[in-house]
Amino acid sequence: MKLEQPPNATKNPESKDEIIAGLEQVLEKLAHWECRVDEANPECKVRHGWFGWLNAREWFEMVGMHSRHHLRQKAKLDEKLAEAGIS
């Protein structure tokens, strides 16, 4: 299943340095919000296109889930590249 392209879609990074800078920014934002997210009313929710209505804690946890998903994808790609003799 593919989600519709959101109106605030981001562009693909153009370099490894840009990827690293983006990941560092995500980590900074996570650290900032980690201690604040539980202050939000758990009854206040925003709709996610695939997972339905989520509160602040659930959205916050989605970041880790999303990251683990991409790490699994990368591991599969690395495996296939190794099988094909491409490093």
PDB file of N, CA and C in Angstrom:
ATOM      1  N   MET A   1       0.837  -1.175   0.000  1.00  0.00           N
ATOM      2  CA  MET A   1       0.000   0.000   0.000  1.00  0.00           C
ATOM      3  C   MET A   1       0.882   1.237   0.000  1.00  0.00           C
ATOM      4  N   LYS A   2       0.565   2.204  -0.836  1.00  0.00           N
ATOM      5  CA  LYS A   2       1.347   3.423  -0.922  1.00  0.00           C
ATOM      6  C   LYS A   2       0.489   4.610  -0.493  1.00  0.00           C
ATOM      7  N   LEU A   3       1.053   5.443   0.388  1.00  0.00           N
ATOM      8  CA  LEU A   3       0.346   6.635   0.838  1.00  0.00           C
ATOM      9  C   LEU A   3       0.406   7.711  -0.239  1.00  0.00           C
ATOM     10  N   GLU A   4      -0.587   8.577  -0.231  1.00  0.00           N
ATOM     11  CA  GLU A   4      -0.567   9.715  -1.144  1.00  0.00           C
ATOM     12  C   GLU A   4       0.594  10.633  -0.788  1.00  0.00           C
ATOM     13  N   GLN A   5       1.124  11.330  -1.781  1.00  0.00           N
ATOM     14  CA  GLN A   5       2.216  12.271  -1.556  1.00  0.00           C
ATOM     15  C   GLN A   5       1.696  13.445  -0.726  1.00  0.00           C
ATOM     16  N   PRO A   6       2.278  13.696   0.452  1.00  0.00           N
ATOM     17  CA  PRO A   6       1.804  14.809   1.272  1.00  0.00           C
ATOM     18  C   PRO A   6       2.200  16.153   0.654  1.00  0.00           C
ATOM     19  N   PRO A   7       1.438  17.194   0.951  1.00  0.00           N
ATOM     20  CA  PRO A   7       1.759  18.514   0.385  1.00  0.00           C
ATOM     21  C   PRO A   7       3.090  19.069   0.889  1.00  0.00           C
ATOM     22  N   ASN A   8       3.578  18.566   2.019  1.00  0.00           N
ATOM     23  CA  ASN A   8       4.848  19.041   2.574  1.00  0.00           C
ATOM     24  C   ASN A   8       5.980  18.041   2.352  1.00  0.00           C
ATOM     25  N   ALA A   9       5.914  17.279   1.261  1.00  0.00           N
ATOM     26  CA  ALA A   9       6.923  16.255   0.973  1.00  0.00           C
ATOM     27  C   ALA A   9       8.314  16.891   0.866  1.00  0.00           C
ATOM     28  N   THR A  10       9.301  16.166   1.340  1.00  0.00           N
ATOM     29  CA  THR A  10      10.673  16.658   1.293  1.00  0.00           C
ATOM     30  C   THR A  10      11.379  16.130   0.052  1.00  0.00           C
ATOM     31  N   LYS A  11      12.437  16.821  -0.345  1.00  0.00           N
ATOM     32  CA  LYS A  11      13.221  16.380  -1.497  1.00  0.00           C
ATOM     33  C   LYS A  11      14.285  15.381  -1.034  1.00  0.00           C
ATOM     34  N   ASN A  12      14.764  14.581  -1.952  1.00  0.00           N
ATOM     35  CA  ASN A  12      15.826  13.642  -1.625  1.00  0.00           C
ATOM     36  C   ASN A  12      17.135  14.400  -1.409  1.00  0.00           C
ATOM     37  N   PRO A  13      17.938  13.966  -0.442  1.00  0.00           N
ATOM     38  CA  PRO A  13      19.229  14.628  -0.213  1.00  0.00           C
ATOM     39  C   PRO A  13      20.158  14.426  -1.413  1.00  0.00           C
ATOM     40  N   GLU A  14      21.051  15.380  -1.586  1.00  0.00           N
ATOM     41  CA  GLU A  14      21.962  15.329  -2.732  1.00  0.00           C
ATOM     42  C   GLU A  14      23.342  14.800  -2.377  1.00  0.00           C
ATOM     43  N   SER A  15      23.634  14.632  -1.084  1.00  0.00           N
ATOM     44  CA  SER A  15      24.960  14.154  -0.693  1.00  0.00           C
ATOM     45  C   SER A  15      24.864  13.386   0.628  1.00  0.00           C
ATOM     46  N   LYS A  16      25.922  12.641   0.902  1.00  0.00           N
ATOM     47  CA  LYS A  16      25.997  11.912   2.170  1.00  0.00           C
ATOM     48  C   LYS A  16      26.031  12.891   3.344  1.00  0.00           C
ATOM     49  N   ASP A  17      26.743  14.007   3.176  1.00  0.00           N
ATOM     50  CA  ASP A  17      26.807  15.016   4.236  1.00  0.00           C
ATOM     51  C   ASP A  17      25.415  15.585   4.547  1.00  0.00           C
ATOM     52  N   GLU A  18      24.613  15.751   3.505  1.00  0.00           N
ATOM     53  CA  GLU A  18      23.253  16.262   3.709  1.00  0.00           C
ATOM     54  C   GLU A  18      22.401  15.241   4.468  1.00  0.00           C
ATOM     55  N   ILE A  19      22.612  13.969   4.197  1.00  0.00           N
ATOM     56  CA  ILE A  19      21.900  12.910   4.914  1.00  0.00           C
ATOM     57  C   ILE A  19      22.299  12.923   6.392  1.00  0.00           C
ATOM     58  N   ILE A  20      23.591  12.992   6.646  1.00  0.00           N
ATOM     59  CA  ILE A  20      24.090  13.002   8.024  1.00  0.00           C
ATOM     60  C   ILE A  20      23.551  14.214   8.784  1.00  0.00           C
ATOM     61  N   ALA A  21      23.569  15.383   8.153  1.00  0.00           N
ATOM     62  CA  ALA A  21      23.063  16.593   8.797  1.00  0.00           C
ATOM     63  C   ALA A  21      21.573  16.443   9.108  1.00  0.00           C
ATOM     64  N   GLY A  22      20.823  15.861   8.194  1.00  0.00           N
ATOM     65  CA  GLY A  22      19.396  15.657   8.420  1.00  0.00           C
ATOM     66  C   GLY A  22      19.129  14.707   9.566  1.00  0.00           C
ATOM     67  N   LEU A  23      19.900  13.618   9.635  1.00  0.00           N
ATOM     68  CA  LEU A  23      19.736  12.661  10.733  1.00  0.00           C
ATOM     69  C   LEU A  23      20.104  13.286  12.073  1.00  0.00           C
ATOM     70  N   GLU A  24      21.147  14.100  12.083  1.00  0.00           N
ATOM     71  CA  GLU A  24      21.527  14.787  13.320  1.00  0.00           C
ATOM     72  C   GLU A  24      20.421  15.738  13.772  1.00  0.00           C
ATOM     73  N   GLN A  25      19.780  16.394  12.810  1.00  0.00           N
ATOM     74  CA  GLN A  25      18.675  17.296  13.143  1.00  0.00           C
ATOM     75  C   GLN A  25      17.496  16.513  13.737  1.00  0.00           C
ATOM     76  N   VAL A  26      17.213  15.340  13.183  1.00  0.00           N
ATOM     77  CA  VAL A  26      16.141  14.494  13.720  1.00  0.00           C
ATOM     78  C   VAL A  26      16.459  14.099  15.157  1.00  0.00           C
ATOM     79  N   LEU A  27      17.705  13.695  15.414  1.00  0.00           N
ATOM     80  CA  LEU A  27      18.096  13.302  16.774  1.00  0.00           C
ATOM     81  C   LEU A  27      17.966  14.473  17.754  1.00  0.00           C
ATOM     82  N   GLU A  28      18.330  15.673  17.315  1.00  0.00           N
ATOM     83  CA  GLU A  28      18.189  16.848  18.177  1.00  0.00           C
ATOM     84  C   GLU A  28      16.714  17.106  18.506  1.00  0.00           C
ATOM     85  N   LYS A  29      15.859  17.003  17.503  1.00  0.00           N
ATOM     86  CA  LYS A  29      14.432  17.229  17.728  1.00  0.00           C
ATOM     87  C   LYS A  29      13.836  16.155  18.636  1.00  0.00           C
ATOM     88  N   LEU A  30      14.275  14.913  18.454  1.00  0.00           N
ATOM     89  CA  LEU A  30      13.790  13.834  19.321  1.00  0.00           C
ATOM     90  C   LEU A  30      14.178  14.090  20.768  1.00  0.00           C
ATOM     91  N   ALA A  31      15.426  14.504  20.979  1.00  0.00           N
ATOM     92  CA  ALA A  31      15.881  14.796  22.341  1.00  0.00           C
ATOM     93  C   ALA A  31      15.070  15.936  22.952  1.00  0.00           C
ATOM     94  N   HIS A  32      14.760  16.940  22.139  1.00  0.00           N
ATOM     95  CA  HIS A  32      13.984  18.080  22.614  1.00  0.00           C
ATOM     96  C   HIS A  32      12.575  17.654  23.038  1.00  0.00           C
ATOM     97  N   TRP A  33      11.929  16.817  22.254  1.00  0.00           N
ATOM     98  CA  TRP A  33      10.530  16.462  22.500  1.00  0.00           C
ATOM     99  C   TRP A  33      10.343  15.263  23.417  1.00  0.00           C
ATOM    100  N   GLU A  34      11.393  14.474  23.620  1.00  0.00           N
ATOM    101  CA  GLU A  34      11.248  13.243  24.413  1.00  0.00           C
ATOM    102  C   GLU A  34      10.661  13.498  25.798  1.00  0.00           C
ATOM    103  N   CYS A  35      11.129  14.511  26.475  1.00  0.00           N
ATOM    104  CA  CYS A  35      10.640  14.773  27.834  1.00  0.00           C
ATOM    105  C   CYS A  35       9.352  15.603  27.831  1.00  0.00           C
ATOM    106  N   ARG A  36       8.937  16.102  26.687  1.00  0.00           N
ATOM    107  CA  ARG A  36       7.738  16.943  26.615  1.00  0.00           C
ATOM    108  C   ARG A  36       6.514  16.211  26.078  1.00  0.00           C
ATOM    109  N   VAL A  37       6.721  15.156  25.359  1.00  0.00           N
ATOM    110  CA  VAL A  37       5.622  14.503  24.650  1.00  0.00           C
ATOM    111  C   VAL A  37       4.554  13.963  25.611  1.00  0.00           C
ATOM    112  N   ASP A  38       4.960  13.534  26.784  1.00  0.00           N
ATOM    113  CA  ASP A  38       3.985  12.995  27.736  1.00  0.00           C
ATOM    114  C   ASP A  38       3.167  14.076  28.426  1.00  0.00           C
ATOM    115  N   GLU A  39       3.536  15.338  28.238  1.00  0.00           N
ATOM    116  CA  GLU A  39       2.749  16.443  28.778  1.00  0.00           C
ATOM    117  C   GLU A  39       1.500  16.697  27.927  1.00  0.00           C
ATOM    118  N   ALA A  40       1.508  16.202  26.697  1.00  0.00           N
ATOM    119  CA  ALA A  40       0.365  16.408  25.793  1.00  0.00           C
ATOM    120  C   ALA A  40      -0.808  15.541  26.230  1.00  0.00           C
ATOM    121  N   ASN A  41      -1.984  16.061  26.067  1.00  0.00           N
ATOM    122  CA  ASN A  41      -3.200  15.327  26.397  1.00  0.00           C
ATOM    123  C   ASN A  41      -3.305  14.109  25.465  1.00  0.00           C
ATOM    124  N   PRO A  42      -3.324  12.884  26.012  1.00  0.00           N
ATOM    125  CA  PRO A  42      -3.374  11.688  25.162  1.00  0.00           C
ATOM    126  C   PRO A  42      -4.683  11.544  24.388  1.00  0.00           C
ATOM    127  N   GLU A  43      -5.699  12.317  24.780  1.00  0.00           N
ATOM    128  CA  GLU A  43      -6.976  12.261  24.067  1.00  0.00           C
ATOM    129  C   GLU A  43      -6.971  13.123  22.802  1.00  0.00           C
ATOM    130  N   CYS A  44      -6.003  14.028  22.691  1.00  0.00           N
ATOM    131  CA  CYS A  44      -5.881  14.863  21.487  1.00  0.00           C
ATOM    132  C   CYS A  44      -5.118  14.078  20.435  1.00  0.00           C
ATOM    133  N   LYS A  45      -5.742  13.877  19.295  1.00  0.00           N
ATOM    134  CA  LYS A  45      -5.142  13.032  18.262  1.00  0.00           C
ATOM    135  C   LYS A  45      -5.203  13.706  16.900  1.00  0.00           C
ATOM    136  N   VAL A  46      -4.274  13.291  16.043  1.00  0.00           N
ATOM    137  CA  VAL A  46      -4.210  13.757  14.660  1.00  0.00           C
ATOM    138  C   VAL A  46      -4.192  12.516  13.783  1.00  0.00           C
ATOM    139  N   ARG A  47      -4.905  12.574  12.685  1.00  0.00           N
ATOM    140  CA  ARG A  47      -5.042  11.407  11.806  1.00  0.00           C
ATOM    141  C   ARG A  47      -3.789  11.183  10.961  1.00  0.00           C
ATOM    142  N   HIS A  48      -3.325   9.952  10.991  1.00  0.00           N
ATOM    143  CA  HIS A  48      -2.244   9.485  10.126  1.00  0.00           C
ATOM    144  C   HIS A  48      -2.911   8.768   8.956  1.00  0.00           C
ATOM    145  N   GLY A  49      -2.386   8.953   7.762  1.00  0.00           N
ATOM    146  CA  GLY A  49      -3.002   8.383   6.568  1.00  0.00           C
ATOM    147  C   GLY A  49      -3.111   6.877   6.558  1.00  0.00           C
ATOM    148  N   TRP A  50      -2.290   6.185   7.317  1.00  0.00           N
ATOM    149  CA  TRP A  50      -2.287   4.730   7.299  1.00  0.00           C
ATOM    150  C   TRP A  50      -2.688   4.136   8.643  1.00  0.00           C
ATOM    151  N   PHE A  51      -2.225   4.747   9.730  1.00  0.00           N
ATOM    152  CA  PHE A  51      -2.418   4.176  11.057  1.00  0.00           C
ATOM    153  C   PHE A  51      -3.605   4.737  11.824  1.00  0.00           C
ATOM    154  N   GLY A  52      -4.323   5.664  11.226  1.00  0.00           N
ATOM    155  CA  GLY A  52      -5.498   6.214  11.900  1.00  0.00           C
ATOM    156  C   GLY A  52      -5.134   7.349  12.840  1.00  0.00           C
ATOM    157  N   TRP A  53      -5.937   7.499  13.889  1.00  0.00           N
ATOM    158  CA  TRP A  53      -5.795   8.615  14.830  1.00  0.00           C
ATOM    159  C   TRP A  53      -4.726   8.308  15.880  1.00  0.00           C
ATOM    160  N   LEU A  54      -3.710   9.185  15.968  1.00  0.00           N
ATOM    161  CA  LEU A  54      -2.592   8.984  16.886  1.00  0.00           C
ATOM    162  C   LEU A  54      -2.438  10.194  17.801  1.00  0.00           C
ATOM    163  N   ASN A  55      -2.070   9.921  19.067  1.00  0.00           N
ATOM    164  CA  ASN A  55      -1.764  11.025  19.979  1.00  0.00           C
ATOM    165  C   ASN A  55      -0.265  11.349  19.892  1.00  0.00           C
ATOM    166  N   ALA A  56       0.172  12.327  20.663  1.00  0.00           N
ATOM    167  CA  ALA A  56       1.565  12.787  20.582  1.00  0.00           C
ATOM    168  C   ALA A  56       2.557  11.658  20.871  1.00  0.00           C
ATOM    169  N   ARG A  57       2.292  10.856  21.886  1.00  0.00           N
ATOM    170  CA  ARG A  57       3.196   9.751  22.231  1.00  0.00           C
ATOM    171  C   ARG A  57       3.287   8.762  21.065  1.00  0.00           C
ATOM    172  N   GLU A  58       2.153   8.445  20.468  1.00  0.00           N
ATOM    173  CA  GLU A  58       2.142   7.492  19.357  1.00  0.00           C
ATOM    174  C   GLU A  58       2.882   8.044  18.137  1.00  0.00           C
ATOM    175  N   TRP A  59       2.712   9.330  17.846  1.00  0.00           N
ATOM    176  CA  TRP A  59       3.459   9.945  16.747  1.00  0.00           C
ATOM    177  C   TRP A  59       4.951   9.897  17.045  1.00  0.00           C
ATOM    178  N   PHE A  60       5.326  10.185  18.294  1.00  0.00           N
ATOM    179  CA  PHE A  60       6.736  10.179  18.686  1.00  0.00           C
ATOM    180  C   PHE A  60       7.340   8.791  18.493  1.00  0.00           C
ATOM    181  N   GLU A  61       6.615   7.768  18.913  1.00  0.00           N
ATOM    182  CA  GLU A  61       7.111   6.392  18.776  1.00  0.00           C
ATOM    183  C   GLU A  61       7.181   5.961  17.320  1.00  0.00           C
ATOM    184  N   MET A  62       6.375   6.600  16.475  1.00  0.00           N
ATOM    185  CA  MET A  62       6.378   6.279  15.053  1.00  0.00           C
ATOM    186  C   MET A  62       7.749   6.563  14.419  1.00  0.00           C
ATOM    187  N   VAL A  63       8.472   7.536  14.951  1.00  0.00           N
ATOM    188  CA  VAL A  63       9.791   7.868  14.406  1.00  0.00           C
ATOM    189  C   VAL A  63      10.720   6.656  14.505  1.00  0.00           C
ATOM    190  N   GLY A  64      10.728   6.006  15.665  1.00  0.00           N
ATOM    191  CA  GLY A  64      11.571   4.821  15.831  1.00  0.00           C
ATOM    192  C   GLY A  64      11.129   3.677  14.939  1.00  0.00           C
ATOM    193  N   MET A  65       9.832   3.479  14.852  1.00  0.00           N
ATOM    194  CA  MET A  65       9.307   2.413  14.001  1.00  0.00           C
ATOM    195  C   MET A  65       9.685   2.655  12.539  1.00  0.00           C
ATOM    196  N   HIS A  66       9.538   3.890  12.106  1.00  0.00           N
ATOM    197  CA  HIS A  66       9.852   4.253  10.728  1.00  0.00           C
ATOM    198  C   HIS A  66      11.349   4.039  10.445  1.00  0.00           C
ATOM    199  N   SER A  67      12.179   4.442  11.398  1.00  0.00           N
ATOM    200  CA  SER A  67      13.629   4.274  11.233  1.00  0.00           C
ATOM    201  C   SER A  67      14.015   2.801  11.162  1.00  0.00           C
ATOM    202  N   ARG A  68      13.429   1.977  12.031  1.00  0.00           N
ATOM    203  CA  ARG A  68      13.727   0.544  11.998  1.00  0.00           C
ATOM    204  C   ARG A  68      13.294  -0.083  10.674  1.00  0.00           C
ATOM    205  N   HIS A  69      12.180   0.389  10.135  1.00  0.00           N
ATOM    206  CA  HIS A  69      11.705  -0.099   8.839  1.00  0.00           C
ATOM    207  C   HIS A  69      12.759   0.168   7.758  1.00  0.00           C
ATOM    208  N   HIS A  70      13.295   1.385   7.731  1.00  0.00           N
ATOM    209  CA  HIS A  70      14.301   1.721   6.721  1.00  0.00           C
ATOM    210  C   HIS A  70      15.609   0.960   6.949  1.00  0.00           C
ATOM    211  N   LEU A  71      15.961   0.713   8.191  1.00  0.00           N
ATOM    212  CA  LEU A  71      17.170  -0.076   8.456  1.00  0.00           C
ATOM    213  C   LEU A  71      17.004  -1.514   7.970  1.00  0.00           C
ATOM    214  N   ARG A  72      15.792  -2.074   8.112  1.00  0.00           N
ATOM    215  CA  ARG A  72      15.535  -3.419   7.566  1.00  0.00           C
ATOM    216  C   ARG A  72      15.623  -3.398   6.045  1.00  0.00           C
ATOM    217  N   GLN A  73      15.082  -2.355   5.428  1.00  0.00           N
ATOM    218  CA  GLN A  73      15.174  -2.233   3.974  1.00  0.00           C
ATOM    219  C   GLN A  73      16.632  -2.161   3.535  1.00  0.00           C
ATOM    220  N   LYS A  74      17.427  -1.372   4.237  1.00  0.00           N
ATOM    221  CA  LYS A  74      18.840  -1.235   3.899  1.00  0.00           C
ATOM    222  C   LYS A  74      19.564  -2.564   4.041  1.00  0.00           C
ATOM    223  N   ALA A  75      19.270  -3.302   5.102  1.00  0.00           N
ATOM    224  CA  ALA A  75      19.911  -4.602   5.298  1.00  0.00           C
ATOM    225  C   ALA A  75      19.590  -5.547   4.148  1.00  0.00           C
ATOM    226  N   LYS A  76      18.338  -5.549   3.685  1.00  0.00           N
ATOM    227  CA  LYS A  76      17.959  -6.396   2.553  1.00  0.00           C
ATOM    228  C   LYS A  76      18.676  -5.973   1.278  1.00  0.00           C
ATOM    229  N   LEU A  77      18.768  -4.677   1.055  1.00  0.00           N
ATOM    230  CA  LEU A  77      19.489  -4.186  -0.119  1.00  0.00           C
ATOM    231  C   LEU A  77      20.964  -4.565  -0.062  1.00  0.00           C
ATOM    232  N   ASP A  78      21.575  -4.378   1.102  1.00  0.00           N
ATOM    233  CA  ASP A  78      22.988  -4.750   1.271  1.00  0.00           C
ATOM    234  C   ASP A  78      23.198  -6.234   1.001  1.00  0.00           C
ATOM    235  N   GLU A  79      22.270  -7.061   1.476  1.00  0.00           N
ATOM    236  CA  GLU A  79      22.345  -8.501   1.259  1.00  0.00           C
ATOM    237  C   GLU A  79      22.267  -8.828  -0.236  1.00  0.00           C
ATOM    238  N   LYS A  80      21.319  -8.223  -0.930  1.00  0.00           N
ATOM    239  CA  LYS A  80      21.158  -8.472  -2.364  1.00  0.00           C
ATOM    240  C   LYS A  80      22.358  -7.986  -3.161  1.00  0.00           C
ATOM    241  N   LEU A  81      22.909  -6.849  -2.769  1.00  0.00           N
ATOM    242  CA  LEU A  81      24.106  -6.329  -3.441  1.00  0.00           C
ATOM    243  C   LEU A  81      25.283  -7.276  -3.237  1.00  0.00           C
ATOM    244  N   ALA A  82      25.433  -7.796  -2.015  1.00  0.00           N
ATOM    245  CA  ALA A  82      26.519  -8.736  -1.728  1.00  0.00           C
ATOM    246  C   ALA A  82      26.353 -10.020  -2.542  1.00  0.00           C
ATOM    247  N   GLU A  83      25.106 -10.506  -2.644  1.00  0.00           N
ATOM    248  CA  GLU A  83      24.836 -11.712  -3.447  1.00  0.00           C
ATOM    249  C   GLU A  83      25.188 -11.489  -4.917  1.00  0.00           C
ATOM    250  N   ALA A  84      25.010 -10.256  -5.381  1.00  0.00           N
ATOM    251  CA  ALA A  84      25.302  -9.930  -6.784  1.00  0.00           C
ATOM    252  C   ALA A  84      26.771  -9.548  -6.979  1.00  0.00           C
ATOM    253  N   GLY A  85      27.544  -9.562  -5.895  1.00  0.00           N
ATOM    254  CA  GLY A  85      28.956  -9.224  -5.997  1.00  0.00           C
ATOM    255  C   GLY A  85      29.221  -7.734  -6.124  1.00  0.00           C
ATOM    256  N   ILE A  86      28.247  -6.943  -5.708  1.00  0.00           N
ATOM    257  CA  ILE A  86      28.396  -5.489  -5.754  1.00  0.00           C
ATOM    258  C   ILE A  86      28.582  -4.999  -4.326  1.00  0.00           C
ATOM    259  N   SER A  87      29.601  -4.191  -4.121  1.00  0.00           N
ATOM    260  CA  SER A  87      29.809  -3.706  -2.738  1.00  0.00           C
ATOM    261  C   SER A  87      29.544  -2.252  -2.605  1.00  0.00           C
TER     262      SER A  87
END
